[in-house]
PDB file of all heavy atoms in Angstrom:
ATOM      1  N   ASP A   1     122.845 105.090  66.940  1.00  0.00           N
ATOM      2  CA  ASP A   1     124.203 104.530  66.786  1.00  0.00           C
ATOM      3  C   ASP A   1     124.693 104.035  68.167  1.00  0.00           C
ATOM      4  O   ASP A   1     124.859 104.818  69.092  1.00  0.00           O
ATOM      5  CB  ASP A   1     125.145 105.588  66.233  1.00  0.00           C
ATOM      6  CG  ASP A   1     126.528 105.030  65.980  1.00  0.00           C
ATOM      7  OD1 ASP A   1     126.706 103.816  66.059  1.00  0.00           O
ATOM      8  OD2 ASP A   1     127.455 105.825  65.690  1.00  0.00           O
ATOM      9  N   ALA A   2     124.884 102.726  68.267  1.00  0.00           N
ATOM     10  CA  ALA A   2     125.392 102.140  69.521  1.00  0.00           C
ATOM     11  C   ALA A   2     126.759 101.521  69.330  1.00  0.00           C
ATOM     12  O   ALA A   2     127.186 100.664  70.142  1.00  0.00           O
ATOM     13  CB  ALA A   2     124.402 101.079  70.011  1.00  0.00           C
ATOM     14  N   LYS A   3     127.470 101.908  68.293  1.00  0.00           N
ATOM     15  CA  LYS A   3     128.803 101.344  68.052  1.00  0.00           C
ATOM     16  C   LYS A   3     129.739 101.630  69.227  1.00  0.00           C
ATOM     17  O   LYS A   3     129.842 102.746  69.708  1.00  0.00           O
ATOM     18  CB  LYS A   3     129.376 101.957  66.780  1.00  0.00           C
ATOM     19  CG  LYS A   3     130.674 101.280  66.353  1.00  0.00           C
ATOM     20  CD  LYS A   3     131.179 101.817  64.995  1.00  0.00           C
ATOM     21  CE  LYS A   3     132.459 101.126  64.556  1.00  0.00           C
ATOM     22  NZ  LYS A   3     132.941 101.656  63.269  1.00  0.00           N
ATOM     23  N   GLY A   4     130.389 100.552  69.710  1.00  0.00           N
ATOM     24  CA  GLY A   4     131.291 100.707  70.833  1.00  0.00           C
ATOM     25  C   GLY A   4     130.556 100.701  72.175  1.00  0.00           C
ATOM     26  O   GLY A   4     131.178 100.838  73.238  1.00  0.00           O
ATOM     27  N   LYS A   5     129.246 100.557  72.137  1.00  0.00           N
ATOM     28  CA  LYS A   5     128.459 100.563  73.376  1.00  0.00           C
ATOM     29  C   LYS A   5     127.791  99.208  73.611  1.00  0.00           C
ATOM     30  O   LYS A   5     128.007  98.260  72.854  1.00  0.00           O
ATOM     31  CB  LYS A   5     127.404 101.664  73.310  1.00  0.00           C
ATOM     32  CG  LYS A   5     128.046 103.089  73.253  1.00  0.00           C
ATOM     33  CD  LYS A   5     126.970 104.147  73.219  1.00  0.00           C
ATOM     34  CE  LYS A   5     127.600 105.559  73.342  1.00  0.00           C
ATOM     35  NZ  LYS A   5     128.530 105.845  72.228  1.00  0.00           N
ATOM     36  N   TYR A   6     126.995  99.126  74.667  1.00  0.00           N
ATOM     37  CA  TYR A   6     126.379  97.876  75.101  1.00  0.00           C
ATOM     38  C   TYR A   6     124.869  98.052  75.180  1.00  0.00           C
ATOM     39  O   TYR A   6     124.380  99.056  75.715  1.00  0.00           O
ATOM     40  CB  TYR A   6     126.923  97.438  76.456  1.00  0.00           C
ATOM     41  CG  TYR A   6     128.445  97.248  76.483  1.00  0.00           C
ATOM     42  CD1 TYR A   6     129.310  98.346  76.497  1.00  0.00           C
ATOM     43  CD2 TYR A   6     129.006  95.966  76.475  1.00  0.00           C
ATOM     44  CE1 TYR A   6     130.666  98.164  76.503  1.00  0.00           C
ATOM     45  CE2 TYR A   6     130.362  95.776  76.497  1.00  0.00           C
ATOM     46  CZ  TYR A   6     131.199  96.895  76.493  1.00  0.00           C
ATOM     47  OH  TYR A   6     132.568  96.715  76.516  1.00  0.00           O
ATOM     48  N   VAL A   7     124.137  97.076  74.666  1.00  0.00           N
ATOM     49  CA  VAL A   7     122.690  97.142  74.646  1.00  0.00           C
ATOM     50  C   VAL A   7     122.144  95.990  75.507  1.00  0.00           C
ATOM     51  O   VAL A   7     122.490  94.825  75.320  1.00  0.00           O
ATOM     52  CB  VAL A   7     122.136  96.990  73.206  1.00  0.00           C
ATOM     53  CG1 VAL A   7     120.626  97.112  73.207  1.00  0.00           C
ATOM     54  CG2 VAL A   7     122.742  98.072  72.311  1.00  0.00           C
ATOM     55  N   THR A   8     121.306  96.347  76.476  1.00  0.00           N
ATOM     56  CA  THR A   8     120.715  95.344  77.384  1.00  0.00           C
ATOM     57  C   THR A   8     119.229  95.595  77.518  1.00  0.00           C
ATOM     58  O   THR A   8     118.735  96.680  77.190  1.00  0.00           O
ATOM     59  CB  THR A   8     121.354  95.390  78.772  1.00  0.00           C
ATOM     60  OG1 THR A   8     120.896  96.593  79.445  1.00  0.00           O
ATOM     61  CG2 THR A   8     122.856  95.406  78.722  1.00  0.00           C
ATOM     62  N   PRO A   9     118.499  94.599  78.044  1.00  0.00           N
ATOM     63  CA  PRO A   9     117.100  94.904  78.414  1.00  0.00           C
ATOM     64  C   PRO A   9     117.077  95.872  79.576  1.00  0.00           C
ATOM     65  O   PRO A   9     118.023  95.984  80.351  1.00  0.00           O
ATOM     66  CB  PRO A   9     116.540  93.533  78.821  1.00  0.00           C
ATOM     67  CG  PRO A   9     117.559  92.510  78.441  1.00  0.00           C
ATOM     68  CD  PRO A   9     118.876  93.233  78.369  1.00  0.00           C
ATOM     69  N   GLY A  10     115.979  96.581  79.725  1.00  0.00           N
ATOM     70  CA  GLY A  10     115.815  97.440  80.892  1.00  0.00           C
ATOM     71  C   GLY A  10     115.776  96.612  82.164  1.00  0.00           C
ATOM     72  O   GLY A  10     115.321  95.482  82.174  1.00  0.00           O
ATOM     73  N   PHE A  11     116.285  97.184  83.260  1.00  0.00           N
ATOM     74  CA  PHE A  11     116.307  96.480  84.535  1.00  0.00           C
ATOM     75  C   PHE A  11     114.937  96.509  85.188  1.00  0.00           C
ATOM     76  O   PHE A  11     114.193  97.463  85.051  1.00  0.00           O
ATOM     77  CB  PHE A  11     117.343  97.091  85.471  1.00  0.00           C
ATOM     78  CG  PHE A  11     118.728  97.106  84.923  1.00  0.00           C
ATOM     79  CD1 PHE A  11     119.671  98.078  85.290  1.00  0.00           C
ATOM     80  CD2 PHE A  11     119.162  96.160  83.998  1.00  0.00           C
ATOM     81  CE1 PHE A  11     120.957  98.112  84.771  1.00  0.00           C
ATOM     82  CE2 PHE A  11     120.446  96.163  83.470  1.00  0.00           C
ATOM     83  CZ  PHE A  11     121.355  97.136  83.874  1.00  0.00           C
ATOM     84  N   VAL A  12     114.640  95.461  85.910  1.00  0.00           N
ATOM     85  CA  VAL A  12     113.357  95.295  86.611  1.00  0.00           C
ATOM     86  C   VAL A  12     113.624  95.300  88.120  1.00  0.00           C
ATOM     87  O   VAL A  12     114.329  94.426  88.620  1.00  0.00           O
ATOM     88  CB  VAL A  12     112.629  94.008  86.190  1.00  0.00           C
ATOM     89  CG1 VAL A  12     111.303  93.890  86.906  1.00  0.00           C
ATOM     90  CG2 VAL A  12     112.445  93.968  84.684  1.00  0.00           C
ATOM     91  N   ALA A  13     113.048  96.285  88.809  1.00  0.00           N
ATOM     92  CA  ALA A  13     113.243  96.402  90.260  1.00  0.00           C
ATOM     93  C   ALA A  13     112.022  95.826  90.974  1.00  0.00           C
ATOM     94  O   ALA A  13     110.921  96.313  90.769  1.00  0.00           O
ATOM     95  CB  ALA A  13     113.470  97.858  90.658  1.00  0.00           C
ATOM     96  N   LEU A  14     112.246  94.845  91.834  1.00  0.00           N
ATOM     97  CA  LEU A  14     111.137  94.182  92.550  1.00  0.00           C
ATOM     98  C   LEU A  14     110.727  94.928  93.800  1.00  0.00           C
ATOM     99  O   LEU A  14     109.630  94.692  94.312  1.00  0.00           O
ATOM    100  CB  LEU A  14     111.510  92.754  92.922  1.00  0.00           C
ATOM    101  CG  LEU A  14     111.362  91.687  91.844  1.00  0.00           C
ATOM    102  CD1 LEU A  14     111.692  90.318  92.415  1.00  0.00           C
ATOM    103  CD2 LEU A  14     109.961  91.670  91.279  1.00  0.00           C
ATOM    104  N   SER A  15     111.588  95.777  94.322  1.00  0.00           N
ATOM    105  CA  SER A  15     111.298  96.448  95.589  1.00  0.00           C
ATOM    106  C   SER A  15     111.457  97.951  95.401  1.00  0.00           C
ATOM    107  O   SER A  15     112.568  98.478  95.419  1.00  0.00           O
ATOM    108  CB  SER A  15     112.227  95.944  96.722  1.00  0.00           C
ATOM    109  OG  SER A  15     112.013  94.574  96.953  1.00  0.00           O
ATOM    110  N   MET A  16     110.333  98.641  95.208  1.00  0.00           N
ATOM    111  CA  MET A  16     110.323 100.083  95.020  1.00  0.00           C
ATOM    112  C   MET A  16     109.227 100.698  95.860  1.00  0.00           C
ATOM    113  O   MET A  16     108.204 100.071  96.155  1.00  0.00           O
ATOM    114  CB  MET A  16     110.095 100.457  93.562  1.00  0.00           C
ATOM    115  CG  MET A  16     111.160  99.976  92.613  1.00  0.00           C
ATOM    116  SD  MET A  16     110.816 100.464  90.890  1.00  0.00           S
ATOM    117  CE  MET A  16     111.090 102.247  90.925  1.00  0.00           C
ATOM    118  N   ALA A  17     109.458 101.927  96.259  1.00  0.00           N
ATOM    119  CA  ALA A  17     108.432 102.697  96.981  1.00  0.00           C
ATOM    120  C   ALA A  17     108.687 104.179  96.693  1.00  0.00           C
ATOM    121  O   ALA A  17     109.812 104.609  96.522  1.00  0.00           O
ATOM    122  CB  ALA A  17     108.484 102.420  98.494  1.00  0.00           C
ATOM    123  N   GLY A  18     107.588 104.948  96.635  1.00  0.00           N
ATOM    124  CA  GLY A  18     107.715 106.388  96.454  1.00  0.00           C
ATOM    125  C   GLY A  18     108.168 106.829  95.082  1.00  0.00           C
ATOM    126  O   GLY A  18     108.609 107.947  94.891  1.00  0.00           O
ATOM    127  N   VAL A  19     108.076 105.934  94.080  1.00  0.00           N
ATOM    128  CA  VAL A  19     108.446 106.293  92.708  1.00  0.00           C
ATOM    129  C   VAL A  19     107.208 106.247  91.838  1.00  0.00           C
ATOM    130  O   VAL A  19     106.465 105.256  91.846  1.00  0.00           O
ATOM    131  CB  VAL A  19     109.529 105.360  92.156  1.00  0.00           C
ATOM    132  CG1 VAL A  19     109.856 105.706  90.705  1.00  0.00           C
ATOM    133  CG2 VAL A  19     110.780 105.405  92.987  1.00  0.00           C
ATOM    134  N   GLY A  20     106.962 107.301  91.103  1.00  0.00           N
ATOM    135  CA  GLY A  20     105.829 107.341  90.202  1.00  0.00           C
ATOM    136  C   GLY A  20     104.490 107.529  90.917  1.00  0.00           C
ATOM    137  O   GLY A  20     103.431 107.301  90.305  1.00  0.00           O
ATOM    138  N   LEU A  21     104.549 107.988  92.164  1.00  0.00           N
ATOM    139  CA  LEU A  21     103.327 108.197  92.932  1.00  0.00           C
ATOM    140  C   LEU A  21     103.146 109.659  93.261  1.00  0.00           C
ATOM    141  O   LEU A  21     104.120 110.398  93.394  1.00  0.00           O
ATOM    142  CB  LEU A  21     103.362 107.393  94.236  1.00  0.00           C
ATOM    143  CG  LEU A  21     103.547 105.877  94.104  1.00  0.00           C
ATOM    144  CD1 LEU A  21     103.556 105.240  95.480  1.00  0.00           C
ATOM    145  CD2 LEU A  21     102.434 105.289  93.267  1.00  0.00           C
ATOM    146  N   ARG A  22     101.899 110.065  93.398  1.00  0.00           N
ATOM    147  CA  ARG A  22     101.600 111.444  93.774  1.00  0.00           C
ATOM    148  C   ARG A  22     102.109 111.720  95.184  1.00  0.00           C
ATOM    149  O   ARG A  22     102.289 110.834  95.991  1.00  0.00           O
ATOM    150  CB  ARG A  22     100.096 111.671  93.717  1.00  0.00           C
ATOM    151  CG  ARG A  22      99.510 111.717  92.312  1.00  0.00           C
ATOM    152  CD  ARG A  22      98.018 111.700  92.330  1.00  0.00           C
ATOM    153  NE  ARG A  22      97.473 112.727  93.210  1.00  0.00           N
ATOM    154  CZ  ARG A  22      96.208 112.759  93.596  1.00  0.00           C
ATOM    155  NH1 ARG A  22      95.366 111.846  93.211  1.00  0.00           N
ATOM    156  NH2 ARG A  22      95.771 113.728  94.384  1.00  0.00           N
ATOM    157  N   ALA A  23     102.297 112.985  95.494  1.00  0.00           N
ATOM    158  CA  ALA A  23     102.737 113.404  96.808  1.00  0.00           C
ATOM    159  C   ALA A  23     101.771 112.866  97.868  1.00  0.00           C
ATOM    160  O   ALA A  23     100.553 112.939  97.709  1.00  0.00           O
ATOM    161  CB  ALA A  23     102.791 114.925  96.893  1.00  0.00           C
ATOM    162  N   GLY A  24     102.316 112.323  98.904  1.00  0.00           N
ATOM    163  CA  GLY A  24     101.490 111.672  99.923  1.00  0.00           C
ATOM    164  C   GLY A  24     101.695 110.185  99.883  1.00  0.00           C
ATOM    165  O   GLY A  24     101.486 109.489 100.862  1.00  0.00           O
ATOM    166  N   GLY A  25     102.151 109.665  98.689  1.00  0.00           N
ATOM    167  CA  GLY A  25     102.567 108.288  98.570  1.00  0.00           C
ATOM    168  C   GLY A  25     101.424 107.307  98.619  1.00  0.00           C
ATOM    169  O   GLY A  25     100.453 107.470  99.309  1.00  0.00           O
ATOM    170  N   GLY A  26     101.565 106.251  97.865  1.00  0.00           N
ATOM    171  CA  GLY A  26     100.645 105.120  97.962  1.00  0.00           C
ATOM    172  C   GLY A  26      99.252 105.417  97.445  1.00  0.00           C
ATOM    173  O   GLY A  26      98.928 106.485  96.967  1.00  0.00           O
ATOM    174  N   ALA A  27      98.436 104.405  97.555  1.00  0.00           N
ATOM    175  CA  ALA A  27      97.093 104.509  97.036  1.00  0.00           C
ATOM    176  C   ALA A  27      96.251 105.487  97.831  1.00  0.00           C
ATOM    177  O   ALA A  27      95.247 105.967  97.380  1.00  0.00           O
ATOM    178  CB  ALA A  27      96.425 103.140  97.034  1.00  0.00           C
ATOM    179  N   GLY A  28      96.706 105.815  99.013  1.00  0.00           N
ATOM    180  CA  GLY A  28      95.958 106.766  99.834  1.00  0.00           C
ATOM    181  C   GLY A  28      95.856 108.115  99.224  1.00  0.00           C
ATOM    182  O   GLY A  28      94.972 108.906  99.566  1.00  0.00           O
ATOM    183  N   ALA A  29      96.771 108.438  98.306  1.00  0.00           N
ATOM    184  CA  ALA A  29      96.703 109.755  97.663  1.00  0.00           C
ATOM    185  C   ALA A  29      95.445 109.930  96.860  1.00  0.00           C
ATOM    186  O   ALA A  29      94.976 111.054  96.657  1.00  0.00           O
ATOM    187  CB  ALA A  29      97.936 109.913  96.738  1.00  0.00           C
ATOM    188  N   GLY A  30      94.831 108.826  96.468  1.00  0.00           N
ATOM    189  CA  GLY A  30      93.596 108.944  95.691  1.00  0.00           C
ATOM    190  C   GLY A  30      92.382 109.089  96.569  1.00  0.00           C
ATOM    191  O   GLY A  30      91.301 109.363  96.076  1.00  0.00           O
ATOM    192  N   GLY A  31      92.506 108.886  97.894  1.00  0.00           N
ATOM    193  CA  GLY A  31      91.390 109.021  98.804  1.00  0.00           C
ATOM    194  C   GLY A  31      90.567 107.748  98.858  1.00  0.00           C
ATOM    195  O   GLY A  31      90.676 106.842  98.037  1.00  0.00           O
ATOM    196  N   PRO A  32      89.693 107.641  99.867  1.00  0.00           N
ATOM    197  CA  PRO A  32      88.872 106.433 100.039  1.00  0.00           C
ATOM    198  C   PRO A  32      88.023 106.097  98.829  1.00  0.00           C
ATOM    199  O   PRO A  32      87.870 104.943  98.452  1.00  0.00           O
ATOM    200  CB  PRO A  32      87.994 106.804 101.252  1.00  0.00           C
ATOM    201  CG  PRO A  32      88.736 107.884 101.953  1.00  0.00           C
ATOM    202  CD  PRO A  32      89.441 108.630 100.903  1.00  0.00           C
ATOM    203  N   ALA A  33      87.446 107.127  98.191  1.00  0.00           N
ATOM    204  CA  ALA A  33      86.582 106.842  97.053  1.00  0.00           C
ATOM    205  C   ALA A  33      87.343 106.177  95.922  1.00  0.00           C
ATOM    206  O   ALA A  33      86.872 105.210  95.315  1.00  0.00           O
ATOM    207  CB  ALA A  33      85.955 108.141  96.562  1.00  0.00           C
ATOM    208  N   SER A  34      88.559 106.679  95.657  1.00  0.00           N
ATOM    209  CA  SER A  34      89.321 106.105  94.561  1.00  0.00           C
ATOM    210  C   SER A  34      89.804 104.708  94.907  1.00  0.00           C
ATOM    211  O   SER A  34      89.915 103.855  94.061  1.00  0.00           O
ATOM    212  CB  SER A  34      90.535 106.994  94.219  1.00  0.00           C
ATOM    213  OG  SER A  34      91.450 107.033  95.284  1.00  0.00           O
ATOM    214  N   ARG A  35      90.099 104.474  96.192  1.00  0.00           N
ATOM    215  CA  ARG A  35      90.522 103.124  96.588  1.00  0.00           C
ATOM    216  C   ARG A  35      89.359 102.157  96.396  1.00  0.00           C
ATOM    217  O   ARG A  35      89.538 101.037  95.899  1.00  0.00           O
ATOM    218  CB  ARG A  35      90.968 103.129  98.052  1.00  0.00           C
ATOM    219  CG  ARG A  35      92.290 103.829  98.262  1.00  0.00           C
ATOM    220  CD  ARG A  35      92.900 103.422  99.578  1.00  0.00           C
ATOM    221  NE  ARG A  35      92.065 103.760 100.725  1.00  0.00           N
ATOM    222  CZ  ARG A  35      92.131 104.917 101.340  1.00  0.00           C
ATOM    223  NH1 ARG A  35      92.922 105.845 100.918  1.00  0.00           N
ATOM    224  NH2 ARG A  35      91.339 105.176 102.359  1.00  0.00           N
ATOM    225  N   GLN A  36      88.147 102.557  96.763  1.00  0.00           N
ATOM    226  CA  GLN A  36      87.015 101.663  96.626  1.00  0.00           C
ATOM    227  C   GLN A  36      86.732 101.403  95.138  1.00  0.00           C
ATOM    228  O   GLN A  36      86.318 100.328  94.762  1.00  0.00           O
ATOM    229  CB  GLN A  36      85.777 102.273  97.285  1.00  0.00           C
ATOM    230  CG  GLN A  36      85.901 102.353  98.811  1.00  0.00           C
ATOM    231  CD  GLN A  36      84.738 103.096  99.422  1.00  0.00           C
ATOM    232  OE1 GLN A  36      83.814 103.494  98.753  1.00  0.00           O
ATOM    233  NE2 GLN A  36      84.782 103.267 100.750  1.00  0.00           N
ATOM    234  N   ALA A  37      86.904 102.390  94.342  1.00  0.00           N
ATOM    235  CA  ALA A  37      86.633 102.232  92.922  1.00  0.00           C
ATOM    236  C   ALA A  37      87.791 101.561  92.178  1.00  0.00           C
ATOM    237  O   ALA A  37      87.688 101.261  91.002  1.00  0.00           O
ATOM    238  CB  ALA A  37      86.345 103.616  92.279  1.00  0.00           C
ATOM    239  N   GLY A  38      88.887 101.332  92.862  1.00  0.00           N
ATOM    240  CA  GLY A  38      90.022 100.691  92.258  1.00  0.00           C
ATOM    241  C   GLY A  38      90.746 101.595  91.265  1.00  0.00           C
ATOM    242  O   GLY A  38      91.399 101.110  90.357  1.00  0.00           O
TER     243      GLY A  38
END
């Protein structure tokens, strides 16, 4: 029920860092092997 409320598409953020990443940040958290393997 959204009566009296507002419905929009989800917002898209073009500049993010440190969100949704394992501790240590960035692809480095996976180690060299994981970086090479993509």
